[in-house]
Amino acid sequence: RHPASGYVQGINDLVTPFLIVFLAPHVEGEVEESDISKIPTSILEEVEADAFWCISKFIAGIQDHYTFAQPGIQRMIFKLQEICRRIDEKLHSHLVQYDLKFLQFAFRWMNCLLLRELPLRLVIRLWDTYLAEGKDFHRIHVYFCAAFLINWSEQLRCRDFQDAMLFLQNLPTDDWDLSRIEVLISLAFTWKTLYHDAPSHLVSNNSNANEDGFFD
């Protein structure tokens, strides 16, 4: 469906929420704890087809995330850094001071859309919002990532490079519930409303924003 896109590490993660949602009506209890082999082959084939259609449609809006050099992801990481600088200058300055590049931790956030940072049940809730945004969901994702990062500001500002990286790679979200996600979603929409249509509020003097509020 998308010949310009190629396989990159982590892209297979993106089908997981769709599979879970489509399998849920056919099992008792949690899908992750169920014996999928007991589901009839005909049902599994339907689930596979539906999941394939959904992931194809989903990726259609972010094809440049998975082309050579992944320029879409690069733009999103740069936008994340600018949002952080504008909203939480202390955190941004701390990360700069310890030479902690946003690319080092946020690449996975953009590539796998937080599937490895949040419990699956919360990812499904978050993606429900993304899907409601249509093909432009990548914009709200950047603002959600900003809210997600700034949520840990206090913990990060007391850590040096090594400790901060270890913390960011193993964020303590296992005990989060829906209310935590919904607060961050609300923040993301608030910041998007404030800044997306006014990119000059975000850019530094040597940056150029395009008409989408992203950066070339």
N, C-alpha and C. Protein backbone atom coordinates (compact mmCIF):
# COMPACT_ATOMS: atom_id res chain seq x y z
N ARG A 1 0.81 -1.20 0.00
CA ARG A 1 0.00 0.00 0.00
C ARG A 1 0.85 1.26 0.00
N HIS A 2 2.04 1.22 0.62
CA HIS A 2 2.86 2.42 0.76
C HIS A 2 4.28 2.10 0.31
N PRO A 3 4.52 2.06 -0.98
CA PRO A 3 5.83 1.62 -1.49
C PRO A 3 6.98 2.52 -1.09
N ALA A 4 6.70 3.79 -0.76
CA ALA A 4 7.78 4.68 -0.35
C ALA A 4 8.26 4.37 1.06
N SER A 5 7.42 3.73 1.85
CA SER A 5 7.78 3.41 3.22
C SER A 5 8.46 2.06 3.28
N GLY A 6 9.39 1.95 4.21
CA GLY A 6 10.08 0.68 4.40
C GLY A 6 9.99 0.26 5.85
N TYR A 7 10.43 -0.98 6.13
CA TYR A 7 10.40 -1.46 7.50
C TYR A 7 11.50 -0.78 8.31
N VAL A 8 11.14 -0.30 9.48
CA VAL A 8 12.13 0.19 10.44
C VAL A 8 11.85 -0.51 11.76
N GLN A 9 12.87 -0.61 12.59
CA GLN A 9 12.71 -1.30 13.86
C GLN A 9 11.62 -0.63 14.69
N GLY A 10 10.67 -1.40 15.15
CA GLY A 10 9.60 -0.86 15.98
C GLY A 10 8.29 -0.67 15.26
N ILE A 11 8.33 -0.65 13.92
CA ILE A 11 7.09 -0.40 13.19
C ILE A 11 6.08 -1.52 13.42
N ASN A 12 6.58 -2.73 13.68
CA ASN A 12 5.66 -3.85 13.95
C ASN A 12 4.86 -3.63 15.23
N ASP A 13 5.39 -2.80 16.15
CA ASP A 13 4.65 -2.51 17.38
C ASP A 13 3.31 -1.85 17.10
N LEU A 14 3.24 -1.10 16.02
CA LEU A 14 2.07 -0.27 15.78
C LEU A 14 0.79 -1.06 15.53
N VAL A 15 0.93 -2.31 15.12
CA VAL A 15 -0.27 -3.11 14.86
C VAL A 15 -0.88 -3.67 16.16
N THR A 16 -0.12 -3.67 17.24
CA THR A 16 -0.56 -4.31 18.48
C THR A 16 -1.89 -3.79 19.01
N PRO A 17 -2.09 -2.47 19.14
CA PRO A 17 -3.37 -2.01 19.68
C PRO A 17 -4.57 -2.45 18.84
N PHE A 18 -4.39 -2.47 17.52
CA PHE A 18 -5.49 -2.91 16.65
C PHE A 18 -5.81 -4.39 16.88
N LEU A 19 -4.77 -5.19 16.98
CA LEU A 19 -5.00 -6.62 17.23
C LEU A 19 -5.73 -6.84 18.56
N ILE A 20 -5.31 -6.12 19.59
CA ILE A 20 -5.94 -6.28 20.91
C ILE A 20 -7.42 -5.92 20.85
N VAL A 21 -7.72 -4.80 20.22
CA VAL A 21 -9.11 -4.35 20.14
C VAL A 21 -9.97 -5.34 19.35
N PHE A 22 -9.45 -5.86 18.24
CA PHE A 22 -10.24 -6.77 17.41
C PHE A 22 -10.34 -8.18 18.01
N LEU A 23 -9.38 -8.56 18.82
CA LEU A 23 -9.43 -9.87 19.46
C LEU A 23 -10.31 -9.87 20.71
N ALA A 24 -10.46 -8.71 21.34
CA ALA A 24 -11.16 -8.62 22.63
C ALA A 24 -12.56 -9.25 22.64
N PRO A 25 -13.37 -9.07 21.59
CA PRO A 25 -14.72 -9.67 21.65
C PRO A 25 -14.72 -11.20 21.60
N HIS A 26 -13.58 -11.80 21.27
CA HIS A 26 -13.53 -13.24 21.06
C HIS A 26 -12.84 -14.00 22.19
N VAL A 27 -12.52 -13.29 23.27
CA VAL A 27 -11.88 -13.94 24.41
C VAL A 27 -12.59 -13.53 25.70
N GLU A 28 -12.37 -14.30 26.73
CA GLU A 28 -12.87 -13.95 28.04
C GLU A 28 -11.72 -13.37 28.84
N GLY A 29 -11.95 -12.21 29.44
CA GLY A 29 -10.88 -11.58 30.20
C GLY A 29 -9.96 -10.78 29.30
N GLU A 30 -8.73 -10.59 29.76
CA GLU A 30 -7.75 -9.79 29.03
C GLU A 30 -7.16 -10.59 27.86
N VAL A 31 -7.00 -9.93 26.72
CA VAL A 31 -6.44 -10.61 25.54
C VAL A 31 -5.04 -11.12 25.82
N GLU A 32 -4.25 -10.32 26.53
CA GLU A 32 -2.85 -10.68 26.78
C GLU A 32 -2.73 -11.97 27.59
N GLU A 33 -3.78 -12.30 28.34
CA GLU A 33 -3.72 -13.49 29.19
C GLU A 33 -4.53 -14.65 28.62
N SER A 34 -5.02 -14.51 27.41
CA SER A 34 -5.89 -15.52 26.81
C SER A 34 -5.11 -16.43 25.87
N ASP A 35 -5.66 -17.61 25.64
CA ASP A 35 -5.08 -18.57 24.71
C ASP A 35 -5.68 -18.32 23.33
N ILE A 36 -4.93 -17.59 22.51
CA ILE A 36 -5.42 -17.20 21.19
C ILE A 36 -5.64 -18.41 20.29
N SER A 37 -4.93 -19.50 20.56
CA SER A 37 -5.05 -20.69 19.71
C SER A 37 -6.45 -21.30 19.76
N LYS A 38 -7.23 -20.92 20.76
CA LYS A 38 -8.59 -21.45 20.88
C LYS A 38 -9.60 -20.70 20.00
N ILE A 39 -9.17 -19.59 19.44
CA ILE A 39 -10.05 -18.81 18.57
C ILE A 39 -10.08 -19.47 17.19
N PRO A 40 -11.26 -19.66 16.60
CA PRO A 40 -11.34 -20.30 15.27
C PRO A 40 -10.49 -19.57 14.23
N THR A 41 -9.92 -20.33 13.31
CA THR A 41 -9.06 -19.77 12.28
C THR A 41 -9.78 -18.69 11.47
N SER A 42 -11.05 -18.91 11.18
CA SER A 42 -11.81 -17.94 10.38
C SER A 42 -11.87 -16.58 11.08
N ILE A 43 -12.01 -16.61 12.39
CA ILE A 43 -12.05 -15.35 13.16
C ILE A 43 -10.67 -14.68 13.16
N LEU A 44 -9.64 -15.49 13.33
CA LEU A 44 -8.28 -14.94 13.33
C LEU A 44 -7.94 -14.30 11.98
N GLU A 45 -8.41 -14.90 10.91
CA GLU A 45 -8.18 -14.33 9.58
C GLU A 45 -8.90 -13.00 9.42
N GLU A 46 -10.09 -12.89 9.97
CA GLU A 46 -10.83 -11.63 9.93
C GLU A 46 -10.10 -10.55 10.75
N VAL A 47 -9.62 -10.95 11.92
CA VAL A 47 -8.89 -10.02 12.78
C VAL A 47 -7.62 -9.54 12.07
N GLU A 48 -6.92 -10.47 11.43
CA GLU A 48 -5.70 -10.11 10.71
C GLU A 48 -6.00 -9.12 9.59
N ALA A 49 -7.06 -9.38 8.83
CA ALA A 49 -7.42 -8.49 7.73
C ALA A 49 -7.81 -7.11 8.24
N ASP A 50 -8.60 -7.05 9.31
CA ASP A 50 -9.01 -5.76 9.86
C ASP A 50 -7.82 -4.99 10.41
N ALA A 51 -6.91 -5.70 11.09
CA ALA A 51 -5.74 -5.04 11.65
C ALA A 51 -4.83 -4.51 10.53
N PHE A 52 -4.69 -5.29 9.46
CA PHE A 52 -3.87 -4.85 8.33
C PHE A 52 -4.46 -3.60 7.70
N TRP A 53 -5.78 -3.59 7.52
CA TRP A 53 -6.43 -2.42 6.91
C TRP A 53 -6.23 -1.19 7.78
N CYS A 54 -6.39 -1.36 9.10
CA CYS A 54 -6.26 -0.22 10.01
C CYS A 54 -4.84 0.31 10.06
N ILE A 55 -3.85 -0.58 10.13
CA ILE A 55 -2.47 -0.09 10.20
C ILE A 55 -2.07 0.57 8.89
N SER A 56 -2.58 0.08 7.76
CA SER A 56 -2.30 0.70 6.47
C SER A 56 -2.88 2.12 6.42
N LYS A 57 -4.10 2.25 6.90
CA LYS A 57 -4.75 3.56 6.93
C LYS A 57 -4.03 4.49 7.89
N PHE A 58 -3.63 3.95 9.01
CA PHE A 58 -2.96 4.72 10.06
C PHE A 58 -1.63 5.27 9.55
N ILE A 59 -0.85 4.41 8.89
CA ILE A 59 0.47 4.81 8.43
C ILE A 59 0.38 5.78 7.25
N ALA A 60 -0.75 5.77 6.55
CA ALA A 60 -0.89 6.63 5.37
C ALA A 60 -0.61 8.10 5.70
N GLY A 61 -0.97 8.52 6.92
CA GLY A 61 -0.77 9.92 7.29
C GLY A 61 0.62 10.24 7.80
N ILE A 62 1.46 9.21 8.00
CA ILE A 62 2.80 9.45 8.55
C ILE A 62 3.85 8.67 7.74
N GLN A 63 3.68 8.62 6.43
CA GLN A 63 4.59 7.83 5.60
C GLN A 63 6.04 8.28 5.74
N ASP A 64 6.25 9.60 5.91
CA ASP A 64 7.63 10.06 5.99
C ASP A 64 8.28 9.77 7.32
N HIS A 65 7.56 9.08 8.21
CA HIS A 65 8.21 8.56 9.41
C HIS A 65 9.05 7.33 9.07
N TYR A 66 8.71 6.67 7.98
CA TYR A 66 9.29 5.37 7.68
C TYR A 66 9.92 5.32 6.30
N THR A 67 10.30 6.49 5.79
CA THR A 67 11.10 6.57 4.57
C THR A 67 12.55 6.85 4.96
N PHE A 68 13.42 6.93 3.97
CA PHE A 68 14.85 7.12 4.22
C PHE A 68 15.10 8.34 5.10
N ALA A 69 15.89 8.16 6.15
CA ALA A 69 16.27 9.19 7.12
C ALA A 69 15.11 9.63 8.01
N GLN A 70 13.93 9.10 7.78
CA GLN A 70 12.75 9.35 8.63
C GLN A 70 12.56 10.84 8.94
N PRO A 71 12.38 11.66 7.91
CA PRO A 71 12.28 13.12 8.11
C PRO A 71 11.09 13.53 8.96
N GLY A 72 9.98 12.77 8.88
CA GLY A 72 8.82 13.13 9.69
C GLY A 72 9.12 13.06 11.17
N ILE A 73 9.83 12.03 11.57
CA ILE A 73 10.20 11.89 12.97
C ILE A 73 11.18 12.98 13.39
N GLN A 74 12.11 13.31 12.51
CA GLN A 74 13.07 14.38 12.83
C GLN A 74 12.35 15.70 13.09
N ARG A 75 11.34 16.01 12.26
CA ARG A 75 10.59 17.25 12.45
C ARG A 75 9.83 17.25 13.77
N MET A 76 9.24 16.10 14.11
CA MET A 76 8.47 16.01 15.34
C MET A 76 9.36 16.17 16.57
N ILE A 77 10.54 15.60 16.53
CA ILE A 77 11.46 15.73 17.66
C ILE A 77 11.90 17.18 17.83
N PHE A 78 12.16 17.85 16.70
CA PHE A 78 12.55 19.26 16.79
C PHE A 78 11.41 20.09 17.37
N LYS A 79 10.18 19.81 16.94
CA LYS A 79 9.02 20.54 17.47
C LYS A 79 8.87 20.27 18.97
N LEU A 80 9.07 19.04 19.39
CA LEU A 80 9.00 18.70 20.81
C LEU A 80 9.99 19.53 21.61
N GLN A 81 11.21 19.65 21.10
CA GLN A 81 12.22 20.42 21.80
C GLN A 81 11.82 21.88 21.92
N GLU A 82 11.25 22.45 20.86
CA GLU A 82 10.83 23.85 20.90
C GLU A 82 9.68 24.06 21.88
N ILE A 83 8.74 23.11 21.93
CA ILE A 83 7.63 23.22 22.88
C ILE A 83 8.16 23.16 24.31
N CYS A 84 9.07 22.24 24.57
CA CYS A 84 9.66 22.11 25.91
C CYS A 84 10.38 23.39 26.30
N ARG A 85 11.14 23.95 25.37
CA ARG A 85 11.87 25.20 25.65
C ARG A 85 10.91 26.31 26.01
N ARG A 86 9.78 26.37 25.33
CA ARG A 86 8.81 27.45 25.56
C ARG A 86 8.04 27.26 26.86
N ILE A 87 7.68 26.02 27.19
CA ILE A 87 6.78 25.78 28.32
C ILE A 87 7.53 25.51 29.61
N ASP A 88 8.67 24.81 29.53
CA ASP A 88 9.43 24.47 30.73
C ASP A 88 10.91 24.75 30.46
N GLU A 89 11.26 26.02 30.54
CA GLU A 89 12.62 26.43 30.20
C GLU A 89 13.65 25.82 31.15
N LYS A 90 13.26 25.62 32.40
CA LYS A 90 14.20 25.03 33.37
C LYS A 90 14.56 23.61 32.96
N LEU A 91 13.57 22.84 32.57
CA LEU A 91 13.85 21.47 32.13
C LEU A 91 14.68 21.49 30.86
N HIS A 92 14.30 22.32 29.91
CA HIS A 92 15.05 22.39 28.65
C HIS A 92 16.51 22.75 28.91
N SER A 93 16.74 23.74 29.76
CA SER A 93 18.11 24.17 30.06
C SER A 93 18.90 23.06 30.75
N HIS A 94 18.22 22.31 31.62
CA HIS A 94 18.89 21.20 32.31
C HIS A 94 19.32 20.13 31.32
N LEU A 95 18.45 19.78 30.39
CA LEU A 95 18.79 18.77 29.39
C LEU A 95 19.94 19.25 28.51
N VAL A 96 19.93 20.53 28.16
CA VAL A 96 21.02 21.09 27.35
C VAL A 96 22.32 21.09 28.15
N GLN A 97 22.24 21.46 29.41
CA GLN A 97 23.43 21.51 30.26
C GLN A 97 24.14 20.17 30.31
N TYR A 98 23.37 19.08 30.37
CA TYR A 98 23.95 17.75 30.46
C TYR A 98 24.06 17.07 29.08
N ASP A 99 23.87 17.87 28.04
CA ASP A 99 24.03 17.40 26.66
C ASP A 99 23.15 16.19 26.37
N LEU A 100 21.94 16.20 26.92
CA LEU A 100 21.00 15.12 26.68
C LEU A 100 20.13 15.52 25.50
N LYS A 101 20.41 14.91 24.35
CA LYS A 101 19.72 15.26 23.12
C LYS A 101 18.31 14.67 23.10
N PHE A 102 17.37 15.45 22.61
CA PHE A 102 16.00 14.95 22.51
C PHE A 102 15.93 13.72 21.60
N LEU A 103 16.77 13.70 20.59
CA LEU A 103 16.79 12.55 19.68
C LEU A 103 17.11 11.25 20.42
N GLN A 104 17.88 11.34 21.49
CA GLN A 104 18.32 10.14 22.21
C GLN A 104 17.19 9.44 22.95
N PHE A 105 16.17 10.17 23.34
CA PHE A 105 15.07 9.52 24.07
C PHE A 105 13.74 9.64 23.34
N ALA A 106 13.55 10.70 22.56
CA ALA A 106 12.24 10.95 21.94
C ALA A 106 12.07 10.24 20.61
N PHE A 107 13.16 9.75 20.03
CA PHE A 107 13.01 9.03 18.75
C PHE A 107 12.05 7.86 18.91
N ARG A 108 12.20 7.09 19.97
CA ARG A 108 11.31 5.94 20.19
C ARG A 108 9.88 6.40 20.45
N TRP A 109 9.72 7.54 21.10
CA TRP A 109 8.37 8.05 21.36
C TRP A 109 7.64 8.33 20.05
N MET A 110 8.38 8.85 19.07
CA MET A 110 7.78 9.18 17.78
C MET A 110 7.67 7.95 16.88
N ASN A 111 8.68 7.11 16.91
CA ASN A 111 8.71 5.94 16.05
C ASN A 111 7.65 4.91 16.44
N CYS A 112 7.49 4.69 17.74
CA CYS A 112 6.54 3.68 18.24
C CYS A 112 5.31 4.29 18.89
N LEU A 113 5.18 5.62 18.83
CA LEU A 113 3.99 6.31 19.33
C LEU A 113 3.66 5.93 20.77
N LEU A 114 4.72 5.87 21.60
CA LEU A 114 4.62 5.65 23.05
C LEU A 114 4.16 4.25 23.44
N LEU A 115 4.17 3.31 22.50
CA LEU A 115 3.77 1.94 22.84
C LEU A 115 4.70 1.29 23.86
N ARG A 116 5.94 1.74 23.90
CA ARG A 116 6.89 1.13 24.83
C ARG A 116 7.02 1.93 26.13
N GLU A 117 6.30 3.04 26.21
CA GLU A 117 6.37 3.88 27.41
C GLU A 117 5.14 3.76 28.30
N LEU A 118 4.03 3.29 27.73
CA LEU A 118 2.77 3.25 28.48
C LEU A 118 2.19 1.84 28.47
N PRO A 119 1.43 1.49 29.51
CA PRO A 119 0.70 0.21 29.49
C PRO A 119 -0.25 0.18 28.29
N LEU A 120 -0.46 -1.00 27.74
CA LEU A 120 -1.24 -1.13 26.52
C LEU A 120 -2.65 -0.58 26.65
N ARG A 121 -3.25 -0.77 27.81
CA ARG A 121 -4.63 -0.28 28.00
C ARG A 121 -4.70 1.24 27.87
N LEU A 122 -3.62 1.92 28.26
CA LEU A 122 -3.58 3.37 28.16
C LEU A 122 -3.23 3.83 26.74
N VAL A 123 -2.41 3.04 26.07
CA VAL A 123 -2.11 3.34 24.66
C VAL A 123 -3.39 3.31 23.83
N ILE A 124 -4.23 2.32 24.09
CA ILE A 124 -5.49 2.21 23.35
C ILE A 124 -6.36 3.44 23.59
N ARG A 125 -6.41 3.91 24.83
CA ARG A 125 -7.17 5.13 25.13
C ARG A 125 -6.56 6.33 24.41
N LEU A 126 -5.25 6.45 24.42
CA LEU A 126 -4.57 7.56 23.76
C LEU A 126 -4.79 7.52 22.26
N TRP A 127 -4.64 6.35 21.68
CA TRP A 127 -4.81 6.23 20.23
C TRP A 127 -6.25 6.49 19.80
N ASP A 128 -7.20 6.27 20.69
CA ASP A 128 -8.58 6.61 20.38
C ASP A 128 -8.68 8.11 20.08
N THR A 129 -7.96 8.91 20.84
CA THR A 129 -7.89 10.35 20.58
C THR A 129 -7.18 10.63 19.27
N TYR A 130 -6.06 9.94 19.04
CA TYR A 130 -5.32 10.15 17.80
C TYR A 130 -6.18 9.85 16.58
N LEU A 131 -6.89 8.73 16.62
CA LEU A 131 -7.71 8.33 15.48
C LEU A 131 -8.83 9.35 15.24
N ALA A 132 -9.34 9.94 16.30
CA ALA A 132 -10.37 10.96 16.15
C ALA A 132 -9.84 12.22 15.48
N GLU A 133 -8.52 12.41 15.54
CA GLU A 133 -7.89 13.57 14.91
C GLU A 133 -7.67 13.36 13.41
N GLY A 134 -7.86 12.13 12.93
CA GLY A 134 -7.68 11.86 11.51
C GLY A 134 -6.23 11.86 11.10
N LYS A 135 -5.98 12.23 9.85
CA LYS A 135 -4.62 12.12 9.30
C LYS A 135 -3.63 13.08 9.95
N ASP A 136 -4.11 14.06 10.70
CA ASP A 136 -3.22 15.03 11.33
C ASP A 136 -2.91 14.68 12.78
N PHE A 137 -3.11 13.41 13.14
CA PHE A 137 -2.92 13.04 14.54
C PHE A 137 -1.49 13.26 15.02
N HIS A 138 -0.52 13.27 14.07
CA HIS A 138 0.87 13.43 14.48
C HIS A 138 1.10 14.76 15.20
N ARG A 139 0.26 15.75 14.90
CA ARG A 139 0.43 17.05 15.56
C ARG A 139 0.08 16.97 17.04
N ILE A 140 -1.07 16.35 17.35
CA ILE A 140 -1.44 16.23 18.77
C ILE A 140 -0.49 15.28 19.49
N HIS A 141 0.09 14.33 18.75
CA HIS A 141 1.06 13.42 19.38
C HIS A 141 2.27 14.19 19.90
N VAL A 142 2.75 15.16 19.14
CA VAL A 142 3.90 15.94 19.59
C VAL A 142 3.57 16.68 20.88
N TYR A 143 2.40 17.28 20.92
CA TYR A 143 2.01 18.02 22.13
C TYR A 143 1.77 17.08 23.30
N PHE A 144 1.25 15.89 23.03
CA PHE A 144 1.10 14.92 24.11
C PHE A 144 2.48 14.52 24.63
N CYS A 145 3.43 14.30 23.74
CA CYS A 145 4.78 13.95 24.17
C CYS A 145 5.39 15.06 25.02
N ALA A 146 5.09 16.32 24.68
CA ALA A 146 5.57 17.43 25.49
C ALA A 146 4.98 17.38 26.89
N ALA A 147 3.67 17.13 26.97
CA ALA A 147 3.03 17.02 28.28
C ALA A 147 3.59 15.83 29.05
N PHE A 148 3.84 14.74 28.35
CA PHE A 148 4.39 13.53 28.95
C PHE A 148 5.78 13.80 29.50
N LEU A 149 6.62 14.48 28.73
CA LEU A 149 7.97 14.80 29.17
C LEU A 149 7.96 15.74 30.36
N ILE A 150 7.20 16.81 30.26
CA ILE A 150 7.18 17.83 31.31
C ILE A 150 6.55 17.29 32.58
N ASN A 151 5.75 16.27 32.47
CA ASN A 151 5.21 15.59 33.65
C ASN A 151 6.33 15.09 34.56
N TRP A 152 7.49 14.77 33.97
CA TRP A 152 8.61 14.24 34.74
C TRP A 152 9.67 15.31 35.02
N SER A 153 9.32 16.56 34.84
CA SER A 153 10.31 17.64 34.94
C SER A 153 11.08 17.62 36.26
N GLU A 154 10.36 17.53 37.36
CA GLU A 154 11.02 17.58 38.67
C GLU A 154 12.00 16.43 38.84
N GLN A 155 11.59 15.24 38.43
CA GLN A 155 12.48 14.07 38.57
C GLN A 155 13.70 14.19 37.66
N LEU A 156 13.53 14.75 36.47
CA LEU A 156 14.63 14.85 35.53
C LEU A 156 15.63 15.93 35.92
N ARG A 157 15.16 17.02 36.49
CA ARG A 157 16.05 18.14 36.80
C ARG A 157 17.00 17.86 37.95
N CYS A 158 16.81 16.75 38.64
CA CYS A 158 17.75 16.38 39.71
C CYS A 158 18.66 15.23 39.29
N ARG A 159 18.68 14.93 37.98
CA ARG A 159 19.49 13.82 37.47
C ARG A 159 20.52 14.32 36.47
N ASP A 160 21.69 13.63 36.45
CA ASP A 160 22.69 13.93 35.44
C ASP A 160 22.36 13.13 34.18
N PHE A 161 23.26 13.18 33.20
CA PHE A 161 22.98 12.56 31.90
C PHE A 161 22.63 11.08 32.04
N GLN A 162 23.49 10.32 32.69
CA GLN A 162 23.28 8.87 32.76
C GLN A 162 21.99 8.52 33.50
N ASP A 163 21.78 9.15 34.65
CA ASP A 163 20.58 8.84 35.43
C ASP A 163 19.31 9.27 34.69
N ALA A 164 19.37 10.41 34.02
CA ALA A 164 18.21 10.90 33.28
C ALA A 164 17.86 9.97 32.12
N MET A 165 18.89 9.49 31.42
CA MET A 165 18.64 8.57 30.31
C MET A 165 18.04 7.26 30.80
N LEU A 166 18.57 6.73 31.89
CA LEU A 166 18.03 5.49 32.46
C LEU A 166 16.57 5.68 32.89
N PHE A 167 16.30 6.84 33.46
CA PHE A 167 14.93 7.13 33.89
C PHE A 167 13.99 7.23 32.69
N LEU A 168 14.42 7.92 31.65
CA LEU A 168 13.58 8.11 30.46
C LEU A 168 13.35 6.80 29.70
N GLN A 169 14.28 5.88 29.82
CA GLN A 169 14.14 4.60 29.15
C GLN A 169 13.26 3.61 29.93
N ASN A 170 13.00 3.93 31.19
CA ASN A 170 12.19 3.04 32.03
C ASN A 170 11.25 3.88 32.89
N LEU A 171 10.39 4.64 32.26
CA LEU A 171 9.51 5.54 32.99
C LEU A 171 8.49 4.75 33.82
N PRO A 172 8.26 5.16 35.06
CA PRO A 172 7.37 4.41 35.96
C PRO A 172 5.89 4.68 35.70
N THR A 173 5.36 4.06 34.65
CA THR A 173 3.95 4.29 34.28
C THR A 173 3.07 3.06 34.48
N ASP A 174 3.63 1.98 35.01
CA ASP A 174 2.86 0.73 35.13
C ASP A 174 1.60 0.88 35.97
N ASP A 175 1.64 1.77 36.96
CA ASP A 175 0.49 1.91 37.84
C ASP A 175 -0.41 3.09 37.43
N TRP A 176 -0.17 3.67 36.28
CA TRP A 176 -1.01 4.77 35.82
C TRP A 176 -2.41 4.26 35.48
N ASP A 177 -3.40 5.13 35.67
CA ASP A 177 -4.75 4.81 35.26
C ASP A 177 -5.21 5.79 34.18
N LEU A 178 -6.44 5.65 33.73
CA LEU A 178 -6.93 6.49 32.63
C LEU A 178 -6.91 7.97 32.97
N SER A 179 -7.10 8.29 34.24
CA SER A 179 -7.15 9.71 34.61
C SER A 179 -5.82 10.41 34.32
N ARG A 180 -4.70 9.70 34.49
CA ARG A 180 -3.39 10.31 34.22
C ARG A 180 -3.25 10.64 32.74
N ILE A 181 -3.69 9.72 31.89
CA ILE A 181 -3.62 9.94 30.45
C ILE A 181 -4.53 11.09 30.04
N GLU A 182 -5.73 11.12 30.60
CA GLU A 182 -6.70 12.14 30.20
C GLU A 182 -6.26 13.54 30.59
N VAL A 183 -5.57 13.67 31.71
CA VAL A 183 -5.01 14.97 32.10
C VAL A 183 -3.97 15.43 31.06
N LEU A 184 -3.11 14.51 30.64
CA LEU A 184 -2.07 14.87 29.66
C LEU A 184 -2.68 15.16 28.30
N ILE A 185 -3.73 14.43 27.92
CA ILE A 185 -4.42 14.71 26.66
C ILE A 185 -5.01 16.12 26.70
N SER A 186 -5.61 16.48 27.82
CA SER A 186 -6.18 17.83 27.96
C SER A 186 -5.10 18.90 27.83
N LEU A 187 -3.96 18.67 28.48
CA LEU A 187 -2.84 19.60 28.35
C LEU A 187 -2.37 19.72 26.91
N ALA A 188 -2.29 18.57 26.24
CA ALA A 188 -1.83 18.57 24.85
C ALA A 188 -2.74 19.41 23.96
N PHE A 189 -4.04 19.26 24.12
CA PHE A 189 -4.98 20.05 23.32
C PHE A 189 -4.90 21.53 23.68
N THR A 190 -4.70 21.83 24.95
CA THR A 190 -4.57 23.24 25.36
C THR A 190 -3.35 23.87 24.71
N TRP A 191 -2.21 23.19 24.77
CA TRP A 191 -0.98 23.73 24.19
C TRP A 191 -1.06 23.80 22.68
N LYS A 192 -1.70 22.83 22.07
CA LYS A 192 -1.86 22.87 20.61
C LYS A 192 -2.69 24.09 20.21
N THR A 193 -3.75 24.35 20.96
CA THR A 193 -4.58 25.52 20.67
C THR A 193 -3.78 26.82 20.82
N LEU A 194 -2.93 26.87 21.82
CA LEU A 194 -2.15 28.08 22.09
C LEU A 194 -1.03 28.31 21.08
N TYR A 195 -0.37 27.21 20.69
CA TYR A 195 0.89 27.37 19.96
C TYR A 195 0.89 26.91 18.51
N HIS A 196 0.02 25.98 18.15
CA HIS A 196 0.14 25.43 16.81
C HIS A 196 -0.09 26.47 15.73
N ASP A 197 -1.06 27.36 15.94
CA ASP A 197 -1.34 28.39 14.94
C ASP A 197 -0.53 29.65 15.15
N ALA A 198 0.38 29.60 16.10
CA ALA A 198 1.27 30.73 16.35
C ALA A 198 2.68 30.21 16.54
N PRO A 199 3.26 29.59 15.50
CA PRO A 199 4.57 28.93 15.65
C PRO A 199 5.69 29.88 16.03
N SER A 200 5.51 31.19 15.78
CA SER A 200 6.56 32.13 16.16
C SER A 200 6.74 32.18 17.67
N HIS A 201 5.73 31.72 18.44
CA HIS A 201 5.86 31.67 19.89
C HIS A 201 6.80 30.55 20.32
N LEU A 202 7.08 29.63 19.40
CA LEU A 202 7.92 28.49 19.75
C LEU A 202 9.32 28.59 19.20
N VAL A 203 9.48 29.15 18.02
CA VAL A 203 10.76 29.03 17.33
C VAL A 203 11.82 29.91 17.95
N SER A 204 13.05 29.43 17.89
CA SER A 204 14.19 30.23 18.28
C SER A 204 14.57 31.11 17.11
N ASN A 205 15.50 32.01 17.32
CA ASN A 205 15.83 32.99 16.29
C ASN A 205 16.36 32.39 15.01
N ASN A 206 16.99 31.22 15.09
CA ASN A 206 17.59 30.62 13.91
C ASN A 206 16.76 29.49 13.34
N SER A 207 15.45 29.46 13.66
CA SER A 207 14.58 28.41 13.17
C SER A 207 13.53 28.97 12.24
N ASN A 208 13.04 28.13 11.34
CA ASN A 208 12.01 28.54 10.40
C ASN A 208 10.85 27.57 10.47
N ALA A 209 9.67 28.08 10.79
CA ALA A 209 8.50 27.22 10.84
C ALA A 209 7.79 27.25 9.50
N ASN A 210 7.27 26.10 9.08
CA ASN A 210 6.48 26.08 7.86
C ASN A 210 5.03 26.35 8.18
N GLU A 211 4.18 26.28 7.17
CA GLU A 211 2.79 26.65 7.38
C GLU A 211 2.03 25.71 8.29
N ASP A 212 2.56 24.52 8.56
CA ASP A 212 1.91 23.58 9.45
C ASP A 212 2.34 23.76 10.90
N GLY A 213 3.21 24.72 11.15
CA GLY A 213 3.72 24.87 12.52
C GLY A 213 4.84 23.90 12.80
N PHE A 214 5.28 23.15 11.78
CA PHE A 214 6.44 22.28 11.92
C PHE A 214 7.64 22.98 11.28
N PHE A 215 8.76 22.32 11.25
CA PHE A 215 9.99 23.01 10.90
C PHE A 215 10.75 22.30 9.80
N ASP A 216 11.32 23.09 8.93
CA ASP A 216 12.08 22.54 7.80
C ASP A 216 13.54 22.36 8.20
